[in-house]
Amino acid sequence: TFKAREEGDEDTVNNLDAVYDYDHAEMQKDEH
């Protein structure tokens, strides 16, 4: 998961986590 480094990064981190969670299935990351 992503982690915020500076104050104000929380929204960006939440968005990236959501996209990466979605891509995990699309990329077939478990089989990979």
Full PDB file with SEQRES, HELIX, SHEET, SSBOND, CRYST1, ORIGX, SCALE, CONECT and MASTER records, all heavy atoms in Angstrom:
SEQRES   1 A   32  THR PHE LYS ALA ARG GLU GLU GLY ASP GLU ASP THR VAL          
SEQRES   2 A   32  ASN ASN LEU ASP ALA VAL TYR ASP TYR ASP HIS ALA GLU          
SEQRES   3 A   32  MET GLN LYS ASP GLU HIS                                      
HELIX    1 AA1 GLU A   10  GLU A   26  1                                  17    
CRYST1    1.000    1.000    1.000  90.00  90.00  90.00 P 1           1          
ORIGX1      1.000000  0.000000  0.000000        0.00000                         
ORIGX2      0.000000  1.000000  0.000000        0.00000                         
ORIGX3      0.000000  0.000000  1.000000        0.00000                         
SCALE1      1.000000  0.000000  0.000000        0.00000                         
SCALE2      0.000000  1.000000  0.000000        0.00000                         
SCALE3      0.000000  0.000000  1.000000        0.00000                         
ATOM      1  N   THR A   1       0.851  -1.190   0.000  1.00  0.00           N  
ATOM      2  CA  THR A   1       0.000   0.000   0.000  1.00  0.00           C  
ATOM      3  C   THR A   1       0.887   1.241   0.000  1.00  0.00           C  
ATOM      4  O   THR A   1       2.077   1.174   0.340  1.00  0.00           O  
ATOM      5  CB  THR A   1      -0.921   0.036   1.238  1.00  0.00           C  
ATOM      6  OG1 THR A   1      -0.110  -0.006   2.422  1.00  0.00           O  
ATOM      7  CG2 THR A   1      -1.893  -1.139   1.240  1.00  0.00           C  
ATOM      8  N   PHE A   2       0.292   2.370  -0.368  1.00  0.00           N  
ATOM      9  CA  PHE A   2       1.039   3.619  -0.399  1.00  0.00           C  
ATOM     10  C   PHE A   2       1.000   4.286   0.970  1.00  0.00           C  
ATOM     11  O   PHE A   2       0.085   4.055   1.764  1.00  0.00           O  
ATOM     12  CB  PHE A   2       0.466   4.551  -1.463  1.00  0.00           C  
ATOM     13  CG  PHE A   2       0.733   4.095  -2.864  1.00  0.00           C  
ATOM     14  CD1 PHE A   2      -0.107   3.175  -3.481  1.00  0.00           C  
ATOM     15  CD2 PHE A   2       1.827   4.564  -3.553  1.00  0.00           C  
ATOM     16  CE1 PHE A   2       0.141   2.748  -4.767  1.00  0.00           C  
ATOM     17  CE2 PHE A   2       2.091   4.139  -4.848  1.00  0.00           C  
ATOM     18  CZ  PHE A   2       1.241   3.220  -5.457  1.00  0.00           C  
ATOM     19  N   LYS A   3       1.990   5.104   1.231  1.00  0.00           N  
ATOM     20  CA  LYS A   3       2.104   5.782   2.520  1.00  0.00           C  
ATOM     21  C   LYS A   3       2.430   7.251   2.287  1.00  0.00           C  
ATOM     22  O   LYS A   3       3.303   7.581   1.479  1.00  0.00           O  
ATOM     23  CB  LYS A   3       3.199   5.122   3.368  1.00  0.00           C  
ATOM     24  CG  LYS A   3       3.336   5.709   4.753  1.00  0.00           C  
ATOM     25  CD  LYS A   3       4.420   4.976   5.545  1.00  0.00           C  
ATOM     26  CE  LYS A   3       4.572   5.558   6.939  1.00  0.00           C  
ATOM     27  NZ  LYS A   3       5.649   4.837   7.706  1.00  0.00           N  
ATOM     28  N   ALA A   4       1.704   8.116   2.989  1.00  0.00           N  
ATOM     29  CA  ALA A   4       1.928   9.555   2.845  1.00  0.00           C  
ATOM     30  C   ALA A   4       3.246   9.953   3.497  1.00  0.00           C  
ATOM     31  O   ALA A   4       3.563   9.511   4.604  1.00  0.00           O  
ATOM     32  CB  ALA A   4       0.776  10.321   3.476  1.00  0.00           C  
ATOM     33  N   ARG A   5       3.999  10.805   2.819  1.00  0.00           N  
ATOM     34  CA  ARG A   5       5.258  11.298   3.365  1.00  0.00           C  
ATOM     35  C   ARG A   5       5.134  12.709   3.918  1.00  0.00           C  
ATOM     36  O   ARG A   5       5.881  13.095   4.810  1.00  0.00           O  
ATOM     37  CB  ARG A   5       6.345  11.258   2.286  1.00  0.00           C  
ATOM     38  CG  ARG A   5       6.888   9.884   2.001  1.00  0.00           C  
ATOM     39  CD  ARG A   5       8.142   9.965   1.169  1.00  0.00           C  
ATOM     40  NE  ARG A   5       8.802   8.664   1.059  1.00  0.00           N  
ATOM     41  CZ  ARG A   5       9.972   8.465   0.445  1.00  0.00           C  
ATOM     42  NH1 ARG A   5      10.596   9.511  -0.098  1.00  0.00           N  
ATOM     43  NH2 ARG A   5      10.514   7.281   0.395  1.00  0.00           N  
ATOM     44  N   GLU A   6       4.228  13.460   3.355  1.00  0.00           N  
ATOM     45  CA  GLU A   6       4.062  14.845   3.793  1.00  0.00           C  
ATOM     46  C   GLU A   6       2.592  15.104   4.102  1.00  0.00           C  
ATOM     47  O   GLU A   6       1.698  14.402   3.621  1.00  0.00           O  
ATOM     48  CB  GLU A   6       4.547  15.823   2.707  1.00  0.00           C  
ATOM     49  CG  GLU A   6       6.020  15.684   2.371  1.00  0.00           C  
ATOM     50  CD  GLU A   6       6.435  16.630   1.260  1.00  0.00           C  
ATOM     51  OE1 GLU A   6       5.555  17.382   0.775  1.00  0.00           O  
ATOM     52  OE2 GLU A   6       7.613  16.632   0.893  1.00  0.00           O  
ATOM     53  N   GLU A   7       2.349  16.124   4.900  1.00  0.00           N  
ATOM     54  CA  GLU A   7       0.981  16.504   5.230  1.00  0.00           C  
ATOM     55  C   GLU A   7       0.257  16.955   3.964  1.00  0.00           C  
ATOM     56  O   GLU A   7       0.783  17.727   3.166  1.00  0.00           O  
ATOM     57  CB  GLU A   7       1.000  17.638   6.261  1.00  0.00           C  
ATOM     58  CG  GLU A   7      -0.385  18.009   6.778  1.00  0.00           C  
ATOM     59  CD  GLU A   7      -0.327  19.084   7.851  1.00  0.00           C  
ATOM     60  OE1 GLU A   7       0.803  19.452   8.234  1.00  0.00           O  
ATOM     61  OE2 GLU A   7      -1.397  19.536   8.279  1.00  0.00           O  
ATOM     62  N   GLY A   8      -0.926  16.444   3.777  1.00  0.00           N  
ATOM     63  CA  GLY A   8      -1.687  16.769   2.576  1.00  0.00           C  
ATOM     64  C   GLY A   8      -1.628  15.684   1.515  1.00  0.00           C  
ATOM     65  O   GLY A   8      -2.304  15.776   0.484  1.00  0.00           O  
ATOM     66  N   ASP A   9      -0.795  14.657   1.743  1.00  0.00           N  
ATOM     67  CA  ASP A   9      -0.676  13.568   0.775  1.00  0.00           C  
ATOM     68  C   ASP A   9      -1.742  12.487   0.972  1.00  0.00           C  
ATOM     69  O   ASP A   9      -1.817  11.555   0.177  1.00  0.00           O  
ATOM     70  CB  ASP A   9       0.701  12.898   0.888  1.00  0.00           C  
ATOM     71  CG  ASP A   9       1.813  13.769   0.330  1.00  0.00           C  
ATOM     72  OD1 ASP A   9       1.486  14.735  -0.377  1.00  0.00           O  
ATOM     73  OD2 ASP A   9       2.987  13.470   0.598  1.00  0.00           O  
ATOM     74  N   GLU A  10      -2.550  12.604   2.008  1.00  0.00           N  
ATOM     75  CA  GLU A  10      -3.466  11.519   2.342  1.00  0.00           C  
ATOM     76  C   GLU A  10      -4.466  11.235   1.220  1.00  0.00           C  
ATOM     77  O   GLU A  10      -4.744  10.076   0.909  1.00  0.00           O  
ATOM     78  CB  GLU A  10      -4.236  11.842   3.634  1.00  0.00           C  
ATOM     79  CG  GLU A  10      -3.408  11.763   4.910  1.00  0.00           C  
ATOM     80  CD  GLU A  10      -2.545  12.990   5.104  1.00  0.00           C  
ATOM     81  OE1 GLU A  10      -2.682  13.953   4.313  1.00  0.00           O  
ATOM     82  OE2 GLU A  10      -1.723  12.997   6.050  1.00  0.00           O  
ATOM     83  N   ASP A  11      -5.009  12.288   0.599  1.00  0.00           N  
ATOM     84  CA  ASP A  11      -5.990  12.078  -0.476  1.00  0.00           C  
ATOM     85  C   ASP A  11      -5.346  11.367  -1.665  1.00  0.00           C  
ATOM     86  O   ASP A  11      -5.934  10.464  -2.264  1.00  0.00           O  
ATOM     87  CB  ASP A  11      -6.580  13.418  -0.928  1.00  0.00           C  
ATOM     88  CG  ASP A  11      -7.492  14.021   0.124  1.00  0.00           C  
ATOM     89  OD1 ASP A  11      -7.937  13.265   1.017  1.00  0.00           O  
ATOM     90  OD2 ASP A  11      -7.755  15.239   0.057  1.00  0.00           O  
ATOM     91  N   THR A  12      -4.125  11.773  -2.003  1.00  0.00           N  
ATOM     92  CA  THR A  12      -3.421  11.138  -3.109  1.00  0.00           C  
ATOM     93  C   THR A  12      -3.151   9.667  -2.796  1.00  0.00           C  
ATOM     94  O   THR A  12      -3.324   8.787  -3.655  1.00  0.00           O  
ATOM     95  CB  THR A  12      -2.091  11.855  -3.385  1.00  0.00           C  
ATOM     96  OG1 THR A  12      -2.355  13.221  -3.708  1.00  0.00           O  
ATOM     97  CG2 THR A  12      -1.349  11.202  -4.539  1.00  0.00           C  
ATOM     98  N   VAL A  13      -2.738   9.401  -1.568  1.00  0.00           N  
ATOM     99  CA  VAL A  13      -2.461   8.031  -1.155  1.00  0.00           C  
ATOM    100  C   VAL A  13      -3.721   7.171  -1.243  1.00  0.00           C  
ATOM    101  O   VAL A  13      -3.691   6.038  -1.735  1.00  0.00           O  
ATOM    102  CB  VAL A  13      -1.883   8.007   0.276  1.00  0.00           C  
ATOM    103  CG1 VAL A  13      -1.931   6.593   0.855  1.00  0.00           C  
ATOM    104  CG2 VAL A  13      -0.458   8.528   0.276  1.00  0.00           C  
ATOM    105  N   ASN A  14      -4.838   7.696  -0.769  1.00  0.00           N  
ATOM    106  CA  ASN A  14      -6.090   6.938  -0.816  1.00  0.00           C  
ATOM    107  C   ASN A  14      -6.495   6.629  -2.254  1.00  0.00           C  
ATOM    108  O   ASN A  14      -6.981   5.530  -2.560  1.00  0.00           O  
ATOM    109  CB  ASN A  14      -7.202   7.719  -0.114  1.00  0.00           C  
ATOM    110  CG  ASN A  14      -6.984   7.813   1.380  1.00  0.00           C  
ATOM    111  OD1 ASN A  14      -6.321   6.969   1.975  1.00  0.00           O  
ATOM    112  ND2 ASN A  14      -7.538   8.855   2.001  1.00  0.00           N  
ATOM    113  N   ASN A  15      -6.302   7.602  -3.149  1.00  0.00           N  
ATOM    114  CA  ASN A  15      -6.628   7.377  -4.556  1.00  0.00           C  
ATOM    115  C   ASN A  15      -5.724   6.309  -5.165  1.00  0.00           C  
ATOM    116  O   ASN A  15      -6.179   5.431  -5.898  1.00  0.00           O  
ATOM    117  CB  ASN A  15      -6.511   8.685  -5.340  1.00  0.00           C  
ATOM    118  CG  ASN A  15      -7.609   9.667  -5.003  1.00  0.00           C  
ATOM    119  OD1 ASN A  15      -8.688   9.277  -4.575  1.00  0.00           O  
ATOM    120  ND2 ASN A  15      -7.328  10.952  -5.176  1.00  0.00           N  
ATOM    121  N   LEU A  16      -4.425   6.393  -4.866  1.00  0.00           N  
ATOM    122  CA  LEU A  16      -3.492   5.420  -5.421  1.00  0.00           C  
ATOM    123  C   LEU A  16      -3.781   4.012  -4.887  1.00  0.00           C  
ATOM    124  O   LEU A  16      -3.704   3.031  -5.631  1.00  0.00           O  
ATOM    125  CB  LEU A  16      -2.054   5.823  -5.093  1.00  0.00           C  
ATOM    126  CG  LEU A  16      -1.504   7.036  -5.853  1.00  0.00           C  
ATOM    127  CD1 LEU A  16      -0.131   7.411  -5.315  1.00  0.00           C  
ATOM    128  CD2 LEU A  16      -1.423   6.731  -7.346  1.00  0.00           C  
ATOM    129  N   ASP A  17      -4.107   3.919  -3.606  1.00  0.00           N  
ATOM    130  CA  ASP A  17      -4.450   2.609  -3.042  1.00  0.00           C  
ATOM    131  C   ASP A  17      -5.663   2.012  -3.735  1.00  0.00           C  
ATOM    132  O   ASP A  17      -5.710   0.809  -4.028  1.00  0.00           O  
ATOM    133  CB  ASP A  17      -4.717   2.728  -1.535  1.00  0.00           C  
ATOM    134  CG  ASP A  17      -3.443   2.795  -0.717  1.00  0.00           C  
ATOM    135  OD1 ASP A  17      -2.392   2.335  -1.229  1.00  0.00           O  
ATOM    136  OD2 ASP A  17      -3.475   3.289   0.424  1.00  0.00           O  
ATOM    137  N   ALA A  18      -6.655   2.839  -4.018  1.00  0.00           N  
ATOM    138  CA  ALA A  18      -7.867   2.354  -4.680  1.00  0.00           C  
ATOM    139  C   ALA A  18      -7.570   1.895  -6.104  1.00  0.00           C  
ATOM    140  O   ALA A  18      -8.055   0.844  -6.547  1.00  0.00           O  
ATOM    141  CB  ALA A  18      -8.932   3.449  -4.682  1.00  0.00           C  
ATOM    142  N   VAL A  19      -6.750   2.658  -6.827  1.00  0.00           N  
ATOM    143  CA  VAL A  19      -6.404   2.283  -8.198  1.00  0.00           C  
ATOM    144  C   VAL A  19      -5.569   1.001  -8.216  1.00  0.00           C  
ATOM    145  O   VAL A  19      -5.795   0.084  -9.019  1.00  0.00           O  
ATOM    146  CB  VAL A  19      -5.633   3.427  -8.898  1.00  0.00           C  
ATOM    147  CG1 VAL A  19      -5.153   2.976 -10.279  1.00  0.00           C  
ATOM    148  CG2 VAL A  19      -6.526   4.651  -9.032  1.00  0.00           C  
ATOM    149  N   TYR A  20      -4.592   0.911  -7.308  1.00  0.00           N  
ATOM    150  CA  TYR A  20      -3.732  -0.274  -7.270  1.00  0.00           C  
ATOM    151  C   TYR A  20      -4.524  -1.516  -6.867  1.00  0.00           C  
ATOM    152  O   TYR A  20      -4.293  -2.612  -7.381  1.00  0.00           O  
ATOM    153  CB  TYR A  20      -2.576  -0.048  -6.298  1.00  0.00           C  
ATOM    154  CG  TYR A  20      -1.531  -1.136  -6.351  1.00  0.00           C  
ATOM    155  CD1 TYR A  20      -0.839  -1.388  -7.528  1.00  0.00           C  
ATOM    156  CD2 TYR A  20      -1.236  -1.924  -5.242  1.00  0.00           C  
ATOM    157  CE1 TYR A  20       0.118  -2.391  -7.589  1.00  0.00           C  
ATOM    158  CE2 TYR A  20      -0.288  -2.921  -5.289  1.00  0.00           C  
ATOM    159  CZ  TYR A  20       0.388  -3.150  -6.475  1.00  0.00           C  
ATOM    160  OH  TYR A  20       1.328  -4.149  -6.539  1.00  0.00           O  
ATOM    161  N   ASP A  21      -5.496  -1.347  -5.973  1.00  0.00           N  
ATOM    162  CA  ASP A  21      -6.350  -2.467  -5.587  1.00  0.00           C  
ATOM    163  C   ASP A  21      -7.170  -2.953  -6.773  1.00  0.00           C  
ATOM    164  O   ASP A  21      -7.332  -4.157  -6.989  1.00  0.00           O  
ATOM    165  CB  ASP A  21      -7.270  -2.033  -4.440  1.00  0.00           C  
ATOM    166  CG  ASP A  21      -8.071  -3.191  -3.876  1.00  0.00           C  
ATOM    167  OD1 ASP A  21      -7.567  -4.331  -3.928  1.00  0.00           O  
ATOM    168  OD2 ASP A  21      -9.189  -2.972  -3.391  1.00  0.00           O  
ATOM    169  N   TYR A  22      -7.673  -2.030  -7.571  1.00  0.00           N  
ATOM    170  CA  TYR A  22      -8.417  -2.398  -8.769  1.00  0.00           C  
ATOM    171  C   TYR A  22      -7.502  -3.087  -9.782  1.00  0.00           C  
ATOM    172  O   TYR A  22      -7.848  -4.118 -10.360  1.00  0.00           O  
ATOM    173  CB  TYR A  22      -9.054  -1.157  -9.392  1.00  0.00           C  
ATOM    174  CG  TYR A  22      -9.733  -1.411 -10.714  1.00  0.00           C  
ATOM    175  CD1 TYR A  22     -11.035  -1.901 -10.772  1.00  0.00           C  
ATOM    176  CD2 TYR A  22      -9.070  -1.163 -11.908  1.00  0.00           C  
ATOM    177  CE1 TYR A  22     -11.660  -2.144 -11.991  1.00  0.00           C  
ATOM    178  CE2 TYR A  22      -9.682  -1.396 -13.130  1.00  0.00           C  
ATOM    179  CZ  TYR A  22     -10.976  -1.892 -13.166  1.00  0.00           C  
ATOM    180  OH  TYR A  22     -11.580  -2.128 -14.370  1.00  0.00           O  
ATOM    181  N   ASP A  23      -6.304  -2.505  -9.998  1.00  0.00           N  
ATOM    182  CA  ASP A  23      -5.366  -3.065 -10.980  1.00  0.00           C  
ATOM    183  C   ASP A  23      -4.852  -4.435 -10.567  1.00  0.00           C  
ATOM    184  O   ASP A  23      -4.445  -5.229 -11.422  1.00  0.00           O  
ATOM    185  CB  ASP A  23      -4.181  -2.113 -11.175  1.00  0.00           C  
ATOM    186  CG  ASP A  23      -4.542  -0.909 -12.023  1.00  0.00           C  
ATOM    187  OD1 ASP A  23      -5.724  -0.798 -12.405  1.00  0.00           O  
ATOM    188  OD2 ASP A  23      -3.654  -0.078 -12.287  1.00  0.00           O  
ATOM    189  N   HIS A  24      -4.842  -4.705  -9.272  1.00  0.00           N  
ATOM    190  CA  HIS A  24      -4.367  -6.003  -8.788  1.00  0.00           C  
ATOM    191  C   HIS A  24      -5.117  -7.133  -9.475  1.00  0.00           C  
ATOM    192  O   HIS A  24      -4.520  -8.142  -9.879  1.00  0.00           O  
ATOM    193  CB  HIS A  24      -4.551  -6.082  -7.270  1.00  0.00           C  
ATOM    194  CG  HIS A  24      -3.961  -7.301  -6.638  1.00  0.00           C  
ATOM    195  ND1 HIS A  24      -4.666  -8.490  -6.515  1.00  0.00           N  
ATOM    196  CD2 HIS A  24      -2.737  -7.534  -6.106  1.00  0.00           C  
ATOM    197  CE1 HIS A  24      -3.900  -9.385  -5.928  1.00  0.00           C  
ATOM    198  NE2 HIS A  24      -2.724  -8.834  -5.672  1.00  0.00           N  
ATOM    199  N   ALA A  25      -6.416  -6.988  -9.626  1.00  0.00           N  
ATOM    200  CA  ALA A  25      -7.213  -8.008 -10.307  1.00  0.00           C  
ATOM    201  C   ALA A  25      -7.021  -7.932 -11.819  1.00  0.00           C  
ATOM    202  O   ALA A  25      -6.868  -8.962 -12.485  1.00  0.00           O  
ATOM    203  CB  ALA A  25      -8.692  -7.847  -9.950  1.00  0.00           C  
ATOM    204  N   GLU A  26      -7.017  -6.722 -12.380  1.00  0.00           N  
ATOM    205  CA  GLU A  26      -6.876  -6.572 -13.828  1.00  0.00           C  
ATOM    206  C   GLU A  26      -5.532  -7.102 -14.329  1.00  0.00           C  
ATOM    207  O   GLU A  26      -5.431  -7.674 -15.420  1.00  0.00           O  
ATOM    208  CB  GLU A  26      -7.028  -5.102 -14.216  1.00  0.00           C  
ATOM    209  CG  GLU A  26      -8.422  -4.556 -14.059  1.00  0.00           C  
ATOM    210  CD  GLU A  26      -9.403  -5.181 -15.037  1.00  0.00           C  
ATOM    211  OE1 GLU A  26      -9.009  -5.468 -16.177  1.00  0.00           O  
ATOM    212  OE2 GLU A  26     -10.565  -5.401 -14.644  1.00  0.00           O  
ATOM    213  N   MET A  27      -4.484  -6.910 -13.543  1.00  0.00           N  
ATOM    214  CA  MET A  27      -3.140  -7.373 -13.929  1.00  0.00           C  
ATOM    215  C   MET A  27      -2.939  -8.857 -13.637  1.00  0.00           C  
ATOM    216  O   MET A  27      -1.890  -9.401 -13.952  1.00  0.00           O  
ATOM    217  CB  MET A  27      -2.069  -6.576 -13.181  1.00  0.00           C  
ATOM    218  CG  MET A  27      -1.997  -5.120 -13.524  1.00  0.00           C  
ATOM    219  SD  MET A  27      -0.571  -4.274 -12.756  1.00  0.00           S  
ATOM    220  CE  MET A  27      -0.935  -4.484 -11.007  1.00  0.00           C  
ATOM    221  N   GLN A  28      -3.954  -9.505 -12.995  1.00  0.00           N  
ATOM    222  CA  GLN A  28      -3.827 -10.899 -12.567  1.00  0.00           C  
ATOM    223  C   GLN A  28      -2.563 -11.066 -11.711  1.00  0.00           C  
ATOM    224  O   GLN A  28      -1.765 -11.975 -11.900  1.00  0.00           O  
ATOM    225  CB  GLN A  28      -3.783 -11.838 -13.778  1.00  0.00           C  
ATOM    226  CG  GLN A  28      -5.037 -11.767 -14.631  1.00  0.00           C  
ATOM    227  CD  GLN A  28      -4.990 -12.653 -15.850  1.00  0.00           C  
ATOM    228  OE1 GLN A  28      -3.930 -13.155 -16.226  1.00  0.00           O  
ATOM    229  NE2 GLN A  28      -6.130 -12.831 -16.484  1.00  0.00           N  
ATOM    230  N   LYS A  29      -2.444 -10.131 -10.758  1.00  0.00           N  
ATOM    231  CA  LYS A  29      -1.243 -10.081  -9.926  1.00  0.00           C  
ATOM    232  C   LYS A  29      -1.089 -11.335  -9.063  1.00  0.00           C  
ATOM    233  O   LYS A  29       0.030 -11.742  -8.745  1.00  0.00           O  
ATOM    234  CB  LYS A  29      -1.311  -8.835  -9.025  1.00  0.00           C  
ATOM    235  CG  LYS A  29      -0.091  -8.597  -8.134  1.00  0.00           C  
ATOM    236  CD  LYS A  29       1.148  -8.227  -8.921  1.00  0.00           C  
ATOM    237  CE  LYS A  29       2.198  -7.552  -8.044  1.00  0.00           C  
ATOM    238  NZ  LYS A  29       2.532  -8.253  -6.799  1.00  0.00           N  
ATOM    239  N   ASP A  30      -2.224 -11.958  -8.657  1.00  0.00           N  
ATOM    240  CA  ASP A  30      -2.116 -13.158  -7.836  1.00  0.00           C  
ATOM    241  C   ASP A  30      -1.463 -14.296  -8.612  1.00  0.00           C  
ATOM    242  O   ASP A  30      -0.568 -14.980  -8.102  1.00  0.00           O  
ATOM    243  CB  ASP A  30      -3.491 -13.569  -7.305  1.00  0.00           C  
ATOM    244  CG  ASP A  30      -4.539 -13.650  -8.397  1.00  0.00           C  
ATOM    245  OD1 ASP A  30      -4.249 -13.237  -9.547  1.00  0.00           O  
ATOM    246  OD2 ASP A  30      -5.657 -14.130  -8.115  1.00  0.00           O  
ATOM    247  N   GLU A  31      -1.872 -14.493  -9.864  1.00  0.00           N  
ATOM    248  CA  GLU A  31      -1.255 -15.535 -10.693  1.00  0.00           C  
ATOM    249  C   GLU A  31       0.200 -15.182 -11.001  1.00  0.00           C  
ATOM    250  O   GLU A  31       1.077 -16.059 -11.039  1.00  0.00           O  
ATOM    251  CB  GLU A  31      -2.045 -15.712 -11.990  1.00  0.00           C  
ATOM    252  CG  GLU A  31      -3.490 -16.150 -11.785  1.00  0.00           C  
ATOM    253  CD  GLU A  31      -4.253 -16.256 -13.083  1.00  0.00           C  
ATOM    254  OE1 GLU A  31      -3.608 -16.496 -14.132  1.00  0.00           O  
ATOM    255  OE2 GLU A  31      -5.483 -16.087 -13.070  1.00  0.00           O  
ATOM    256  N   HIS A  32       0.437 -13.910 -11.253  1.00  0.00           N  
ATOM    257  CA  HIS A  32       1.801 -13.440 -11.511  1.00  0.00           C  
ATOM    258  C   HIS A  32       2.705 -13.748 -10.332  1.00  0.00           C  
ATOM    259  O   HIS A  32       3.813 -14.281 -10.483  1.00  0.00           O  
ATOM    260  CB  HIS A  32       1.763 -11.940 -11.786  1.00  0.00           C  
ATOM    261  CG  HIS A  32       3.101 -11.275 -11.816  1.00  0.00           C  
ATOM    262  ND1 HIS A  32       3.770 -10.877 -10.663  1.00  0.00           N  
ATOM    263  CD2 HIS A  32       3.917 -10.940 -12.845  1.00  0.00           C  
ATOM    264  CE1 HIS A  32       4.914 -10.335 -10.988  1.00  0.00           C  
ATOM    265  NE2 HIS A  32       5.045 -10.347 -12.298  1.00  0.00           N  
TER     266      HIS A  32                                                      
MASTER        0    0    0    1    0    0    0    6  265    1    0    3          
END                                                                             
